[in-house]
Amino acid sequence: MQILLRYAFLANIATSLYMAGVIWTVQLVHYFLFDKVGASGWATYHRLHSQQMSLVVLLPMVIQLGTACTLAWSPPNFQAVPRWFWLLGAAFVVGTWASTFFVSVPLHTKLGNGFDAEDCVALVRTNWIRTLLWTAQAVLVLEAMRRILEVKS
């Protein structure tokens, strides 16, 4: 069982770093460009953005959630990493899911019906929640890895 938990940890590291990179790109590039598209191209742009981003994030998000919950439920036996690390990591990931599906998705649904500057501003502002949570998760897994490697050397 410990070998599976170690692979879960590796998958969690990979998906946490990946999602942190993706969310910073979305926050600083994609959402920044939303109000630059123009009304005539908005519907197509937003539809394609939503479709393509789903392809980019759906599987990594599912893997990250599964591995974070697995690690919290049955943490690997790394003496340098206390159980609260795994619990905090799962809380960060669950928080990103909650923010995604209860805040970002409804705003994207509204924007899918047509560009609205206020909804766009709300999306950018509230997306900082996901940006901070995914960044915190990435920092947490890197710190866990650092602690483990420090003990090994």
C-alpha atoms as a PDB file:
ATOM      1  CA  MET A   1       0.000   0.000   0.000  1.00  0.00           C
ATOM      2  CA  GLN A   2       2.850   2.421   0.786  1.00  0.00           C
ATOM      3  CA  ILE A   3       4.111   2.237  -2.812  1.00  0.00           C
ATOM      4  CA  LEU A   4       0.678   3.310  -4.105  1.00  0.00           C
ATOM      5  CA  LEU A   5       0.624   6.216  -1.662  1.00  0.00           C
ATOM      6  CA  ARG A   6       4.048   7.296  -2.875  1.00  0.00           C
ATOM      7  CA  TYR A   7       2.779   7.282  -6.462  1.00  0.00           C
ATOM      8  CA  ALA A   8      -0.259   9.240  -5.310  1.00  0.00           C
ATOM      9  CA  PHE A   9       2.128  11.783  -3.775  1.00  0.00           C
ATOM     10  CA  LEU A  10       4.091  12.042  -7.034  1.00  0.00           C
ATOM     11  CA  ALA A  11       0.877  12.478  -9.027  1.00  0.00           C
ATOM     12  CA  ASN A  12      -0.262  15.115  -6.534  1.00  0.00           C
ATOM     13  CA  ILE A  13       3.013  17.010  -6.927  1.00  0.00           C
ATOM     14  CA  ALA A  14       2.719  16.920 -10.718  1.00  0.00           C
ATOM     15  CA  THR A  15      -0.917  18.004 -10.849  1.00  0.00           C
ATOM     16  CA  SER A  16      -0.454  20.669  -8.168  1.00  0.00           C
ATOM     17  CA  LEU A  17       2.424  22.295 -10.020  1.00  0.00           C
ATOM     18  CA  TYR A  18       0.595  21.945 -13.340  1.00  0.00           C
ATOM     19  CA  MET A  19      -2.625  23.520 -12.022  1.00  0.00           C
ATOM     20  CA  ALA A  20      -0.704  26.363 -10.367  1.00  0.00           C
ATOM     21  CA  GLY A  21       0.886  27.148 -13.737  1.00  0.00           C
ATOM     22  CA  VAL A  22      -2.418  26.905 -15.561  1.00  0.00           C
ATOM     23  CA  ILE A  23      -4.298  29.153 -13.145  1.00  0.00           C
ATOM     24  CA  TRP A  24      -1.637  31.869 -13.253  1.00  0.00           C
ATOM     25  CA  THR A  25      -1.798  31.770 -17.067  1.00  0.00           C
ATOM     26  CA  VAL A  26      -5.588  32.009 -16.957  1.00  0.00           C
ATOM     27  CA  GLN A  27      -5.521  34.829 -14.407  1.00  0.00           C
ATOM     28  CA  LEU A  28      -2.831  36.954 -16.039  1.00  0.00           C
ATOM     29  CA  VAL A  29      -3.364  36.176 -19.738  1.00  0.00           C
ATOM     30  CA  HIS A  30      -6.733  34.642 -20.617  1.00  0.00           C
ATOM     31  CA  TYR A  31      -8.976  36.650 -18.315  1.00  0.00           C
ATOM     32  CA  PHE A  32      -6.943  39.796 -18.992  1.00  0.00           C
ATOM     33  CA  LEU A  33      -7.793  39.444 -22.696  1.00  0.00           C
ATOM     34  CA  PHE A  34     -11.529  38.842 -22.206  1.00  0.00           C
ATOM     35  CA  ASP A  35     -12.543  42.467 -22.504  1.00  0.00           C
ATOM     36  CA  LYS A  36     -10.219  42.936 -25.509  1.00  0.00           C
ATOM     37  CA  VAL A  37     -12.115  40.462 -27.732  1.00  0.00           C
ATOM     38  CA  GLY A  38     -14.963  42.736 -28.702  1.00  0.00           C
ATOM     39  CA  ALA A  39     -18.689  42.093 -28.860  1.00  0.00           C
ATOM     40  CA  SER A  40     -18.693  40.663 -32.381  1.00  0.00           C
ATOM     41  CA  GLY A  41     -16.232  37.865 -31.579  1.00  0.00           C
ATOM     42  CA  TRP A  42     -17.172  37.300 -27.964  1.00  0.00           C
ATOM     43  CA  ALA A  43     -19.593  34.353 -28.294  1.00  0.00           C
ATOM     44  CA  THR A  44     -17.206  32.252 -30.390  1.00  0.00           C
ATOM     45  CA  TYR A  45     -14.157  33.201 -28.336  1.00  0.00           C
ATOM     46  CA  HIS A  46     -15.793  32.402 -25.006  1.00  0.00           C
ATOM     47  CA  ARG A  47     -17.263  29.102 -26.232  1.00  0.00           C
ATOM     48  CA  LEU A  48     -13.896  27.959 -27.595  1.00  0.00           C
ATOM     49  CA  HIS A  49     -12.046  29.209 -24.513  1.00  0.00           C
ATOM     50  CA  SER A  50     -14.383  27.221 -22.253  1.00  0.00           C
ATOM     51  CA  GLN A  51     -14.153  24.061 -24.369  1.00  0.00           C
ATOM     52  CA  GLN A  52     -10.381  24.147 -24.704  1.00  0.00           C
ATOM     53  CA  MET A  53      -9.746  24.996 -21.055  1.00  0.00           C
ATOM     54  CA  SER A  54     -11.928  22.050 -20.043  1.00  0.00           C
ATOM     55  CA  LEU A  55      -9.634  19.774 -22.067  1.00  0.00           C
ATOM     56  CA  VAL A  56      -6.597  21.272 -20.350  1.00  0.00           C
ATOM     57  CA  VAL A  57      -7.819  21.156 -16.733  1.00  0.00           C
ATOM     58  CA  LEU A  58     -10.445  18.449 -16.265  1.00  0.00           C
ATOM     59  CA  LEU A  59      -8.250  15.342 -15.973  1.00  0.00           C
ATOM     60  CA  PRO A  60      -5.512  17.022 -13.892  1.00  0.00           C
ATOM     61  CA  MET A  61      -8.158  18.442 -11.537  1.00  0.00           C
ATOM     62  CA  VAL A  62      -9.718  14.998 -11.061  1.00  0.00           C
ATOM     63  CA  ILE A  63      -6.314  13.392 -10.461  1.00  0.00           C
ATOM     64  CA  GLN A  64      -5.332  16.146  -8.034  1.00  0.00           C
ATOM     65  CA  LEU A  65      -8.576  15.805  -6.087  1.00  0.00           C
ATOM     66  CA  GLY A  66      -8.290  12.017  -5.936  1.00  0.00           C
ATOM     67  CA  THR A  67      -4.664  12.014  -4.845  1.00  0.00           C
ATOM     68  CA  ALA A  68      -5.112  14.833  -2.315  1.00  0.00           C
ATOM     69  CA  CYS A  69      -8.037  13.028  -0.690  1.00  0.00           C
ATOM     70  CA  THR A  70      -6.161   9.719  -0.753  1.00  0.00           C
ATOM     71  CA  LEU A  71      -3.154  11.312   0.941  1.00  0.00           C
ATOM     72  CA  ALA A  72      -5.365  12.981   3.553  1.00  0.00           C
ATOM     73  CA  TRP A  73      -7.299   9.782   4.238  1.00  0.00           C
ATOM     74  CA  SER A  74      -4.300   7.460   4.396  1.00  0.00           C
ATOM     75  CA  PRO A  75      -1.074   9.493   4.382  1.00  0.00           C
ATOM     76  CA  PRO A  76       2.170   7.881   3.243  1.00  0.00           C
ATOM     77  CA  ASN A  77       4.642   7.067   5.958  1.00  0.00           C
ATOM     78  CA  PHE A  78       7.023  10.005   5.557  1.00  0.00           C
ATOM     79  CA  GLN A  79       8.222  10.892   9.046  1.00  0.00           C
ATOM     80  CA  ALA A  80       9.150  14.424   7.967  1.00  0.00           C
ATOM     81  CA  VAL A  81       5.633  15.260   6.800  1.00  0.00           C
ATOM     82  CA  PRO A  82       2.933  15.497   9.487  1.00  0.00           C
ATOM     83  CA  ARG A  83      -0.625  14.427   8.771  1.00  0.00           C
ATOM     84  CA  TRP A  84      -1.891  18.019   8.874  1.00  0.00           C
ATOM     85  CA  PHE A  85       0.073  18.701   5.656  1.00  0.00           C
ATOM     86  CA  TRP A  86      -2.044  16.132   3.810  1.00  0.00           C
ATOM     87  CA  LEU A  87      -5.263  17.410   5.376  1.00  0.00           C
ATOM     88  CA  LEU A  88      -4.416  21.012   4.509  1.00  0.00           C
ATOM     89  CA  GLY A  89      -3.554  19.983   0.958  1.00  0.00           C
ATOM     90  CA  ALA A  90      -6.912  18.264   0.543  1.00  0.00           C
ATOM     91  CA  ALA A  91      -8.647  21.353   1.949  1.00  0.00           C
ATOM     92  CA  PHE A  92      -6.855  23.554  -0.608  1.00  0.00           C
ATOM     93  CA  VAL A  93      -7.897  21.269  -3.464  1.00  0.00           C
ATOM     94  CA  VAL A  94     -11.498  20.957  -2.289  1.00  0.00           C
ATOM     95  CA  GLY A  95     -11.519  24.753  -1.988  1.00  0.00           C
ATOM     96  CA  THR A  96     -10.473  25.118  -5.630  1.00  0.00           C
ATOM     97  CA  TRP A  97     -13.254  22.760  -6.682  1.00  0.00           C
ATOM     98  CA  ALA A  98     -15.815  24.673  -4.625  1.00  0.00           C
ATOM     99  CA  SER A  99     -14.665  28.005  -6.025  1.00  0.00           C
ATOM    100  CA  THR A 100     -14.639  26.587  -9.557  1.00  0.00           C
ATOM    101  CA  PHE A 101     -18.105  25.089  -9.525  1.00  0.00           C
ATOM    102  CA  PHE A 102     -19.919  27.552  -7.251  1.00  0.00           C
ATOM    103  CA  VAL A 103     -18.313  30.800  -8.438  1.00  0.00           C
ATOM    104  CA  SER A 104     -16.366  30.537 -11.718  1.00  0.00           C
ATOM    105  CA  VAL A 105     -18.663  28.182 -13.633  1.00  0.00           C
ATOM    106  CA  PRO A 106     -21.801  30.279 -12.937  1.00  0.00           C
ATOM    107  CA  LEU A 107     -19.944  33.428 -14.043  1.00  0.00           C
ATOM    108  CA  HIS A 108     -18.751  31.671 -17.194  1.00  0.00           C
ATOM    109  CA  THR A 109     -22.322  30.536 -17.849  1.00  0.00           C
ATOM    110  CA  LYS A 110     -23.504  34.128 -17.626  1.00  0.00           C
ATOM    111  CA  LEU A 111     -20.673  35.294 -19.887  1.00  0.00           C
ATOM    112  CA  GLY A 112     -21.589  32.540 -22.339  1.00  0.00           C
ATOM    113  CA  ASN A 113     -24.867  34.384 -22.872  1.00  0.00           C
ATOM    114  CA  GLY A 114     -23.002  37.542 -23.879  1.00  0.00           C
ATOM    115  CA  PHE A 115     -20.163  39.744 -22.724  1.00  0.00           C
ATOM    116  CA  ASP A 116     -20.880  41.759 -19.594  1.00  0.00           C
ATOM    117  CA  ALA A 117     -18.107  43.951 -18.185  1.00  0.00           C
ATOM    118  CA  GLU A 118     -19.307  43.553 -14.574  1.00  0.00           C
ATOM    119  CA  ASP A 119     -19.401  39.749 -14.847  1.00  0.00           C
ATOM    120  CA  CYS A 120     -15.943  39.806 -16.399  1.00  0.00           C
ATOM    121  CA  VAL A 121     -14.579  41.920 -13.533  1.00  0.00           C
ATOM    122  CA  ALA A 122     -16.268  39.588 -11.029  1.00  0.00           C
ATOM    123  CA  LEU A 123     -14.685  36.566 -12.722  1.00  0.00           C
ATOM    124  CA  VAL A 124     -11.210  38.086 -12.614  1.00  0.00           C
ATOM    125  CA  ARG A 125     -11.623  39.213  -8.991  1.00  0.00           C
ATOM    126  CA  THR A 126     -13.042  35.922  -7.683  1.00  0.00           C
ATOM    127  CA  ASN A 127     -10.529  33.858  -9.660  1.00  0.00           C
ATOM    128  CA  TRP A 128      -7.866  35.097  -7.258  1.00  0.00           C
ATOM    129  CA  ILE A 129      -9.343  32.620  -4.768  1.00  0.00           C
ATOM    130  CA  ARG A 130      -8.475  29.693  -7.040  1.00  0.00           C
ATOM    131  CA  THR A 131      -5.130  31.257  -7.940  1.00  0.00           C
ATOM    132  CA  LEU A 132      -4.139  31.546  -4.280  1.00  0.00           C
ATOM    133  CA  LEU A 133      -5.432  28.079  -3.350  1.00  0.00           C
ATOM    134  CA  TRP A 134      -3.650  26.313  -6.220  1.00  0.00           C
ATOM    135  CA  THR A 135      -0.479  28.290  -5.499  1.00  0.00           C
ATOM    136  CA  ALA A 136      -0.683  27.385  -1.804  1.00  0.00           C
ATOM    137  CA  GLN A 137      -1.141  23.713  -2.722  1.00  0.00           C
ATOM    138  CA  ALA A 138       1.912  23.839  -4.993  1.00  0.00           C
ATOM    139  CA  VAL A 139       3.984  25.429  -2.225  1.00  0.00           C
ATOM    140  CA  LEU A 140       2.721  22.843   0.257  1.00  0.00           C
ATOM    141  CA  VAL A 141       3.695  19.832  -1.893  1.00  0.00           C
ATOM    142  CA  LEU A 142       7.084  21.368  -2.641  1.00  0.00           C
ATOM    143  CA  GLU A 143       7.660  21.849   1.088  1.00  0.00           C
ATOM    144  CA  ALA A 144       6.621  18.228   1.727  1.00  0.00           C
ATOM    145  CA  MET A 145       9.051  17.080  -0.944  1.00  0.00           C
ATOM    146  CA  ARG A 146      11.804  19.261   0.508  1.00  0.00           C
ATOM    147  CA  ARG A 147      11.255  17.780   3.972  1.00  0.00           C
ATOM    148  CA  ILE A 148      11.356  14.241   2.604  1.00  0.00           C
ATOM    149  CA  LEU A 149      14.534  14.870   0.589  1.00  0.00           C
ATOM    150  CA  GLU A 150      16.198  16.563   3.567  1.00  0.00           C
ATOM    151  CA  VAL A 151      15.650  13.468   5.704  1.00  0.00           C
ATOM    152  CA  LYS A 152      17.004  11.202   2.933  1.00  0.00           C
ATOM    153  CA  SER A 153      20.277  13.124   2.549  1.00  0.00           C
END
